[in-house]
Amino acid sequence: MRCPHCDSTEVIRKGVFLREFRTVPVGNKPVFLVVPVHRVHCRQCGALRRARLPFAEPRYRYTRSFARYALALCRHMTILDVARHLGVSWDVIKEIQKTHLKRRYSKPKLKHLRRIAIDEISIGKGHHYLTVVLDLESGAVVFVGQGRGADALNPFWRRLSRSGAKIEAVAMDMSPAYMAAVGKHLPKAWIVFDRFHVMKLYNDKLSDLRREVFNEATDRLQKKVLKGSRWLLLKNPENLDPDREARRLEEMLALNRPLATAYYMREELRQLWEQEDVLKAQTFLESWCDRAETSGIRMLIEMAHTIQMHRWGIYPWYDYPISTAALEGTNNKIKTMQRQAYGFRDQEFFMLKIYALHETRYALVG
């Protein structure tokens, strides 16, 4: 026997008591191990502890093999189904899974990071957010922070500085808080503004322009055509139904010149990321901004100014063609997981599940 505290062999037995452990069932029959456990007093450190058991963790009433069996079932069943099958409470299976996740994913390795994506996700009503950092090469979540903005990333920067990772590029939206944080902690990394967020900003402004045109329209025919046409403007032309949606869009654009100009300018802006190299992209963007500023349409002028202020984060895309698309897909998985579980009471367990999301290869059905 050895001391559980200092591993010394200079121990004195101080009594024996029986402990009962649940182990792997035989068929549908539950199996229990009743084991005499010695209490030992260490002469070296003075501790009075129970002797360590090779087949069970301290303070748990089930064996390691039972935990492994429950984890294997959790890959194909819900926690509730596993608990009912094994005849234990939901909390026991959840604690087994949480312990496993904490052991494997509580501190992801950051040394290998080269290209990352940063974004936030809403996890419930009342402005509850999580800030997620994704490794774009492996697809694994390497950090989950409480809240949104620069403060949520502070624990990540501390761990990153200790890891010695050399970040080359960061994909993100045009958030001033993220820009300041990345510029401060990763001065040598290139910031790449996500193309989908740039186009989303344009689509939001295009929707506002359509609303303004509808409110200012005096012609009943024009109001009728504009009403309920928001999604026609936001859809890509290749996704429109040629018989119904495309014809209605042409009628709407023919009735309003500013709206038509803004729509076709958006289709041109999508070609910014299709140029052969960064020099041609610079020429293309300068030409687009000049035409937008001379159009006389306030929405296009504002968009041109915004793009000119952030073009330094658009051009690096040609050296580092990355985006937050993979992170948006991960955010959808997080929302799906949260919806399937009807929410998580344990926030730490929820965050650990997010860390393990890239290895999830099953769907909860039935």
Protein backbone atom coordinates (compact mmCIF):
# COMPACT_ATOMS: atom_id res chain seq x y z
CA MET A 1 0.00 0.00 0.00
CA ARG A 2 1.03 3.57 -0.67
CA CYS A 3 -0.01 6.95 0.62
CA PRO A 4 -2.49 8.56 -1.83
CA HIS A 5 -1.00 11.98 -1.01
CA CYS A 6 2.81 11.52 -1.22
CA ASP A 7 3.04 7.98 -2.64
CA SER A 8 5.11 6.81 0.32
CA THR A 9 5.15 3.14 1.36
CA GLU A 10 5.55 4.00 5.06
CA VAL A 11 1.86 3.67 5.93
CA ILE A 12 -0.15 2.15 8.78
CA ARG A 13 -3.57 0.57 8.26
CA LYS A 14 -6.34 2.35 10.14
CA GLY A 15 -9.39 0.23 9.46
CA VAL A 16 -11.35 -1.20 6.54
CA PHE A 17 -14.78 -0.32 5.21
CA LEU A 18 -16.85 -1.56 2.28
CA ARG A 19 -17.49 0.52 -0.84
CA GLU A 20 -19.90 -0.29 -3.65
CA PHE A 21 -19.03 0.54 -7.29
CA ARG A 22 -21.23 0.26 -10.35
CA THR A 23 -19.47 -1.43 -13.26
CA VAL A 24 -20.35 -2.51 -16.80
CA PRO A 25 -23.72 -4.32 -16.89
CA VAL A 26 -24.18 -7.85 -18.18
CA GLY A 27 -26.96 -7.55 -20.70
CA ASN A 28 -29.73 -5.65 -18.92
CA LYS A 29 -28.55 -6.72 -15.48
CA PRO A 30 -26.71 -4.07 -13.41
CA VAL A 31 -23.44 -5.23 -11.87
CA PHE A 32 -21.90 -3.89 -8.66
CA LEU A 33 -18.50 -4.45 -7.09
CA VAL A 34 -18.37 -4.49 -3.29
CA VAL A 35 -14.77 -3.82 -2.31
CA PRO A 36 -13.07 -3.56 1.12
CA VAL A 37 -11.12 -0.29 1.10
CA HIS A 38 -8.34 0.38 3.60
CA ARG A 39 -7.81 3.68 5.37
CA VAL A 40 -4.07 4.37 5.76
CA HIS A 41 -2.04 6.77 7.89
CA CYS A 42 1.22 8.01 6.34
CA ARG A 43 4.22 8.27 8.66
CA GLN A 44 6.03 10.57 6.25
CA CYS A 45 3.44 13.29 5.52
CA GLY A 46 0.95 12.55 8.30
CA ALA A 47 -2.06 12.24 5.97
CA LEU A 48 -4.99 9.96 6.84
CA ARG A 49 -6.58 8.91 3.56
CA ARG A 50 -8.34 6.05 1.84
CA ALA A 51 -6.09 3.81 -0.21
CA ARG A 52 -6.08 4.48 -3.95
CA LEU A 53 -8.00 2.00 -6.11
CA PRO A 54 -6.64 1.06 -9.56
CA PHE A 55 -10.05 0.63 -11.22
CA ALA A 56 -11.96 3.72 -9.98
CA GLU A 57 -11.41 7.45 -9.61
CA PRO A 58 -11.52 8.96 -6.12
CA ARG A 59 -14.93 10.16 -4.92
CA TYR A 60 -16.79 8.37 -7.73
CA ARG A 61 -19.13 5.43 -7.22
CA TYR A 62 -18.56 3.84 -10.62
CA THR A 63 -15.54 2.17 -12.22
CA ARG A 64 -13.42 3.49 -15.07
CA SER A 65 -14.76 0.75 -17.36
CA PHE A 66 -18.34 1.90 -16.61
CA ALA A 67 -17.37 5.46 -17.55
CA ARG A 68 -15.79 4.28 -20.82
CA TYR A 69 -18.91 2.27 -21.63
CA ALA A 70 -21.16 5.26 -20.96
CA LEU A 71 -18.98 7.50 -23.17
CA ALA A 72 -19.17 4.96 -26.00
CA LEU A 73 -22.97 4.98 -25.77
CA CYS A 74 -23.04 8.80 -25.69
CA ARG A 75 -21.57 8.86 -29.19
CA HIS A 76 -24.79 7.37 -30.53
CA MET A 77 -27.46 8.26 -27.93
CA THR A 78 -28.62 11.20 -25.88
CA ILE A 79 -27.58 11.58 -22.26
CA LEU A 80 -31.11 10.77 -21.15
CA ASP A 81 -31.23 7.58 -23.23
CA VAL A 82 -27.87 6.41 -21.86
CA ALA A 83 -29.00 7.14 -18.29
CA ARG A 84 -32.20 5.14 -18.76
CA HIS A 85 -30.36 2.26 -20.41
CA LEU A 86 -27.79 2.01 -17.59
CA GLY A 87 -30.28 2.68 -14.80
CA VAL A 88 -28.53 5.76 -13.40
CA SER A 89 -29.49 9.40 -13.10
CA TRP A 90 -29.04 11.95 -15.89
CA ASP A 91 -26.53 13.84 -13.78
CA VAL A 92 -24.21 10.81 -13.51
CA ILE A 93 -23.89 10.44 -17.30
CA LYS A 94 -23.57 14.19 -17.75
CA GLU A 95 -20.77 14.31 -15.15
CA ILE A 96 -18.97 11.42 -16.89
CA GLN A 97 -19.15 13.25 -20.19
CA LYS A 98 -18.13 16.57 -18.64
CA THR A 99 -15.09 15.01 -16.94
CA HIS A 100 -14.02 13.47 -20.24
CA LEU A 101 -14.46 16.74 -22.14
CA LYS A 102 -12.58 18.69 -19.47
CA ARG A 103 -9.68 16.25 -19.61
CA ARG A 104 -9.39 16.48 -23.41
CA TYR A 105 -10.53 19.98 -24.39
CA SER A 106 -10.32 22.36 -21.42
CA LYS A 107 -7.00 23.79 -22.66
CA PRO A 108 -6.60 23.43 -26.45
CA LYS A 109 -3.04 23.66 -27.75
CA LEU A 110 -2.35 26.99 -29.45
CA LYS A 111 1.27 26.58 -30.54
CA HIS A 112 0.33 25.32 -34.01
CA LEU A 113 -2.04 28.19 -34.83
CA ARG A 114 -1.33 30.09 -38.04
CA ARG A 115 -4.66 31.32 -39.42
CA ILE A 116 -7.67 31.97 -37.20
CA ALA A 117 -11.16 33.44 -37.44
CA ILE A 118 -12.92 35.50 -34.77
CA ASP A 119 -16.66 36.06 -34.49
CA GLU A 120 -19.43 36.25 -31.92
CA ILE A 121 -22.62 34.23 -31.53
CA SER A 122 -25.88 34.97 -29.73
CA ILE A 123 -26.82 32.12 -27.40
CA GLY A 124 -30.12 33.35 -26.03
CA LYS A 125 -32.43 36.22 -25.28
CA GLY A 126 -31.25 39.23 -23.35
CA HIS A 127 -28.08 39.88 -25.37
CA HIS A 128 -26.15 36.83 -24.18
CA TYR A 129 -23.14 36.28 -26.42
CA LEU A 130 -20.12 34.06 -26.78
CA THR A 131 -16.94 35.03 -28.63
CA VAL A 132 -15.52 32.11 -30.62
CA VAL A 133 -12.02 31.71 -32.10
CA LEU A 134 -11.59 29.02 -34.76
CA ASP A 135 -8.46 27.41 -36.15
CA LEU A 136 -9.05 27.65 -39.91
CA GLU A 137 -6.61 24.84 -40.72
CA SER A 138 -8.05 22.15 -38.43
CA GLY A 139 -11.59 23.51 -38.03
CA ALA A 140 -11.35 23.21 -34.24
CA VAL A 141 -12.60 25.82 -31.79
CA VAL A 142 -9.59 26.97 -29.77
CA PHE A 143 -11.28 29.54 -27.54
CA VAL A 144 -14.76 30.34 -26.25
CA GLY A 145 -15.14 33.57 -24.28
CA GLN A 146 -18.04 34.93 -22.27
CA GLY A 147 -19.64 38.06 -23.76
CA ARG A 148 -18.65 40.00 -26.84
CA GLY A 149 -16.05 42.58 -27.82
CA ALA A 150 -12.38 42.96 -26.99
CA ASP A 151 -12.68 42.11 -23.28
CA ALA A 152 -13.99 38.63 -24.04
CA LEU A 153 -10.71 37.83 -25.84
CA ASN A 154 -8.35 38.77 -22.97
CA PRO A 155 -7.92 35.17 -21.67
CA PHE A 156 -7.16 34.03 -25.23
CA TRP A 157 -4.40 36.63 -25.69
CA ARG A 158 -2.76 35.59 -22.41
CA ARG A 159 -2.69 31.92 -23.39
CA LEU A 160 -1.58 32.77 -26.93
CA SER A 161 1.40 34.81 -25.74
CA ARG A 162 2.59 31.92 -23.55
CA SER A 163 2.19 29.36 -26.35
CA GLY A 164 4.62 31.04 -28.73
CA ALA A 165 2.25 30.71 -31.71
CA LYS A 166 3.00 32.74 -34.84
CA ILE A 167 -0.32 33.95 -36.21
CA GLU A 168 -0.10 34.94 -39.88
CA ALA A 169 -3.65 36.12 -40.62
CA VAL A 170 -6.93 36.74 -38.80
CA ALA A 171 -10.32 36.63 -40.54
CA MET A 172 -13.00 38.80 -38.93
CA ASP A 173 -15.73 41.32 -39.57
CA MET A 174 -15.21 45.08 -39.53
CA SER A 175 -15.72 45.40 -35.78
CA PRO A 176 -13.63 48.28 -34.34
CA ALA A 177 -13.21 46.37 -31.06
CA TYR A 178 -11.76 43.31 -32.80
CA MET A 179 -9.54 45.46 -35.01
CA ALA A 180 -8.07 47.24 -31.99
CA ALA A 181 -7.56 44.00 -30.06
CA VAL A 182 -5.86 42.17 -32.93
CA GLY A 183 -3.71 45.19 -33.76
CA LYS A 184 -2.55 45.39 -30.15
CA HIS A 185 -1.83 41.72 -29.47
CA LEU A 186 -0.92 40.52 -32.98
CA PRO A 187 0.86 43.46 -34.62
CA LYS A 188 2.54 41.24 -37.25
CA ALA A 189 -0.62 39.39 -38.31
CA TRP A 190 -2.61 40.41 -41.37
CA ILE A 191 -6.26 41.31 -40.78
CA VAL A 192 -8.55 39.95 -43.49
CA PHE A 193 -12.07 41.36 -43.53
CA ASP A 194 -14.57 38.67 -44.34
CA ARG A 195 -16.09 39.14 -47.80
CA PHE A 196 -19.48 37.88 -46.64
CA HIS A 197 -19.66 40.52 -43.90
CA VAL A 198 -18.74 43.22 -46.44
CA MET A 199 -21.55 42.09 -48.73
CA LYS A 200 -23.91 41.77 -45.77
CA LEU A 201 -23.23 45.40 -44.91
CA TYR A 202 -24.02 46.36 -48.50
CA ASN A 203 -27.25 44.31 -48.44
CA ASP A 204 -28.36 46.03 -45.25
CA LYS A 205 -27.86 49.43 -46.87
CA LEU A 206 -29.65 48.21 -50.00
CA SER A 207 -32.63 47.14 -47.88
CA ASP A 208 -32.72 50.58 -46.26
CA LEU A 209 -32.67 52.21 -49.71
CA ARG A 210 -35.60 50.07 -50.86
CA ARG A 211 -37.52 51.08 -47.75
CA GLU A 212 -36.83 54.77 -48.39
CA VAL A 213 -37.90 54.45 -52.02
CA PHE A 214 -41.11 52.69 -50.98
CA ASN A 215 -41.96 55.38 -48.40
CA GLU A 216 -41.29 58.21 -50.86
CA ALA A 217 -43.17 56.60 -53.77
CA THR A 218 -46.43 58.30 -54.76
CA ASP A 219 -47.36 56.04 -57.65
CA ARG A 220 -49.59 53.13 -56.62
CA LEU A 221 -48.06 50.88 -59.29
CA GLN A 222 -44.56 51.57 -58.00
CA LYS A 223 -45.63 50.84 -54.41
CA LYS A 224 -47.26 47.59 -55.51
CA VAL A 225 -44.11 46.42 -57.27
CA LEU A 226 -41.81 47.43 -54.40
CA LYS A 227 -43.93 45.85 -51.68
CA GLY A 228 -42.55 42.50 -50.51
CA SER A 229 -39.57 42.67 -52.88
CA ARG A 230 -36.78 42.79 -50.30
CA TRP A 231 -35.60 39.21 -50.80
CA LEU A 232 -35.55 39.66 -54.57
CA LEU A 233 -32.92 42.36 -54.13
CA LEU A 234 -30.83 40.36 -51.69
CA LYS A 235 -30.83 37.11 -53.67
CA ASN A 236 -27.96 36.42 -56.02
CA PRO A 237 -29.10 36.56 -59.68
CA GLU A 238 -28.18 32.91 -60.29
CA ASN A 239 -30.56 31.85 -57.49
CA LEU A 240 -33.62 33.68 -58.86
CA ASP A 241 -36.48 31.79 -60.45
CA PRO A 242 -36.29 32.90 -64.13
CA ASP A 243 -40.03 32.80 -64.80
CA ARG A 244 -41.36 34.57 -61.74
CA GLU A 245 -38.71 36.23 -59.57
CA ALA A 246 -36.38 37.47 -62.31
CA ARG A 247 -39.27 39.09 -64.24
CA ARG A 248 -40.58 40.85 -61.16
CA LEU A 249 -37.10 42.10 -60.28
CA GLU A 250 -36.69 43.58 -63.76
CA GLU A 251 -40.01 45.39 -63.44
CA MET A 252 -39.03 46.81 -60.06
CA LEU A 253 -35.61 48.02 -61.24
CA ALA A 254 -37.12 49.56 -64.38
CA LEU A 255 -39.42 51.74 -62.26
CA ASN A 256 -36.67 53.18 -60.03
CA ARG A 257 -33.26 54.32 -61.28
CA PRO A 258 -31.46 54.77 -57.89
CA LEU A 259 -32.51 51.30 -56.77
CA ALA A 260 -31.40 49.80 -60.09
CA THR A 261 -28.04 51.58 -59.89
CA ALA A 262 -27.42 50.34 -56.33
CA TYR A 263 -28.41 46.80 -57.31
CA TYR A 264 -26.09 46.58 -60.31
CA MET A 265 -23.27 48.23 -58.36
CA ARG A 266 -23.63 45.45 -55.79
CA GLU A 267 -23.25 42.81 -58.49
CA GLU A 268 -20.08 44.57 -59.64
CA LEU A 269 -18.70 44.71 -56.10
CA ARG A 270 -18.98 40.93 -55.83
CA GLN A 271 -16.33 40.71 -58.55
CA LEU A 272 -13.77 42.39 -56.27
CA TRP A 273 -12.70 39.01 -54.89
CA GLU A 274 -12.49 37.44 -58.37
CA GLN A 275 -9.60 39.53 -59.73
CA GLU A 276 -6.34 37.93 -60.86
CA ASP A 277 -4.10 39.67 -58.33
CA VAL A 278 -4.07 42.40 -55.72
CA LEU A 279 -2.98 45.15 -58.17
CA LYS A 280 -5.99 44.55 -60.39
CA ALA A 281 -8.17 44.39 -57.30
CA GLN A 282 -6.90 47.83 -56.21
CA THR A 283 -7.63 49.28 -59.66
CA PHE A 284 -11.07 47.67 -59.69
CA LEU A 285 -11.98 48.98 -56.23
CA GLU A 286 -10.79 52.52 -56.94
CA SER A 287 -12.88 52.60 -60.11
CA TRP A 288 -15.92 51.24 -58.27
CA CYS A 289 -15.62 53.82 -55.46
CA ASP A 290 -15.24 56.68 -57.97
CA ARG A 291 -18.44 55.68 -59.79
CA ALA A 292 -20.27 55.21 -56.48
CA GLU A 293 -19.29 58.70 -55.27
CA THR A 294 -20.34 60.34 -58.54
CA SER A 295 -23.70 58.52 -58.66
CA GLY A 296 -25.34 61.06 -56.38
CA ILE A 297 -27.01 58.26 -54.36
CA ARG A 298 -26.38 58.75 -50.65
CA MET A 299 -26.36 55.05 -49.89
CA LEU A 300 -23.63 54.36 -52.49
CA ILE A 301 -21.55 57.31 -51.33
CA GLU A 302 -21.63 56.07 -47.72
CA MET A 303 -20.74 52.54 -48.81
CA ALA A 304 -17.83 53.83 -50.90
CA HIS A 305 -16.46 55.77 -47.93
CA THR A 306 -16.78 52.71 -45.68
CA ILE A 307 -14.94 50.46 -48.13
CA GLN A 308 -12.17 53.03 -48.66
CA MET A 309 -11.62 53.24 -44.91
CA HIS A 310 -11.35 49.44 -44.63
CA ARG A 311 -9.66 48.52 -47.92
CA TRP A 312 -6.41 47.79 -46.07
CA GLY A 313 -8.19 44.73 -44.65
CA ILE A 314 -9.69 43.65 -47.99
CA TYR A 315 -6.53 43.46 -50.12
CA PRO A 316 -4.74 40.87 -47.88
CA TRP A 317 -7.34 38.35 -49.05
CA TYR A 318 -5.22 37.78 -52.15
CA ASP A 319 -2.30 36.62 -50.01
CA TYR A 320 -4.46 34.88 -47.40
CA PRO A 321 -7.76 33.77 -49.01
CA ILE A 322 -9.53 33.10 -45.71
CA SER A 323 -12.94 34.04 -44.37
CA THR A 324 -15.21 33.39 -41.42
CA ALA A 325 -17.39 31.00 -43.45
CA ALA A 326 -16.11 27.97 -41.50
CA LEU A 327 -16.81 29.80 -38.26
CA GLU A 328 -20.33 30.67 -39.40
CA GLY A 329 -20.88 26.97 -40.04
CA THR A 330 -19.59 26.20 -36.53
CA ASN A 331 -21.96 28.80 -35.11
CA ASN A 332 -24.85 27.04 -36.85
CA LYS A 333 -23.74 23.75 -35.27
CA ILE A 334 -23.62 25.43 -31.87
CA LYS A 335 -27.18 26.72 -32.28
CA THR A 336 -28.36 23.32 -33.48
CA MET A 337 -26.72 21.59 -30.52
CA GLN A 338 -28.29 24.09 -28.14
CA ARG A 339 -31.71 23.63 -29.72
CA GLN A 340 -31.49 19.82 -29.60
CA ALA A 341 -30.61 19.97 -25.91
CA TYR A 342 -33.34 22.56 -25.18
CA GLY A 343 -30.63 24.75 -23.67
CA PHE A 344 -27.82 24.08 -21.21
CA ARG A 345 -28.05 24.75 -17.48
CA ASP A 346 -24.32 24.23 -17.00
CA GLN A 347 -22.46 26.95 -18.93
CA GLU A 348 -19.09 25.23 -18.47
CA PHE A 349 -20.47 21.99 -19.91
CA PHE A 350 -21.90 23.93 -22.87
CA MET A 351 -18.52 25.53 -23.61
CA LEU A 352 -16.74 22.17 -23.37
CA LYS A 353 -19.22 20.72 -25.87
CA ILE A 354 -18.34 23.58 -28.23
CA TYR A 355 -14.63 22.72 -27.97
CA ALA A 356 -15.42 19.11 -28.98
CA LEU A 357 -17.77 20.09 -31.80
CA HIS A 358 -15.22 19.50 -34.60
CA GLU A 359 -15.05 15.79 -33.68
CA THR A 360 -18.81 15.31 -33.57
CA ARG A 361 -19.85 12.92 -36.33
CA TYR A 362 -23.35 11.93 -35.27
CA ALA A 363 -26.87 13.36 -35.21
CA LEU A 364 -29.34 13.11 -32.34
CA VAL A 365 -32.47 11.54 -33.80
CA GLY A 366 -35.68 10.03 -32.45
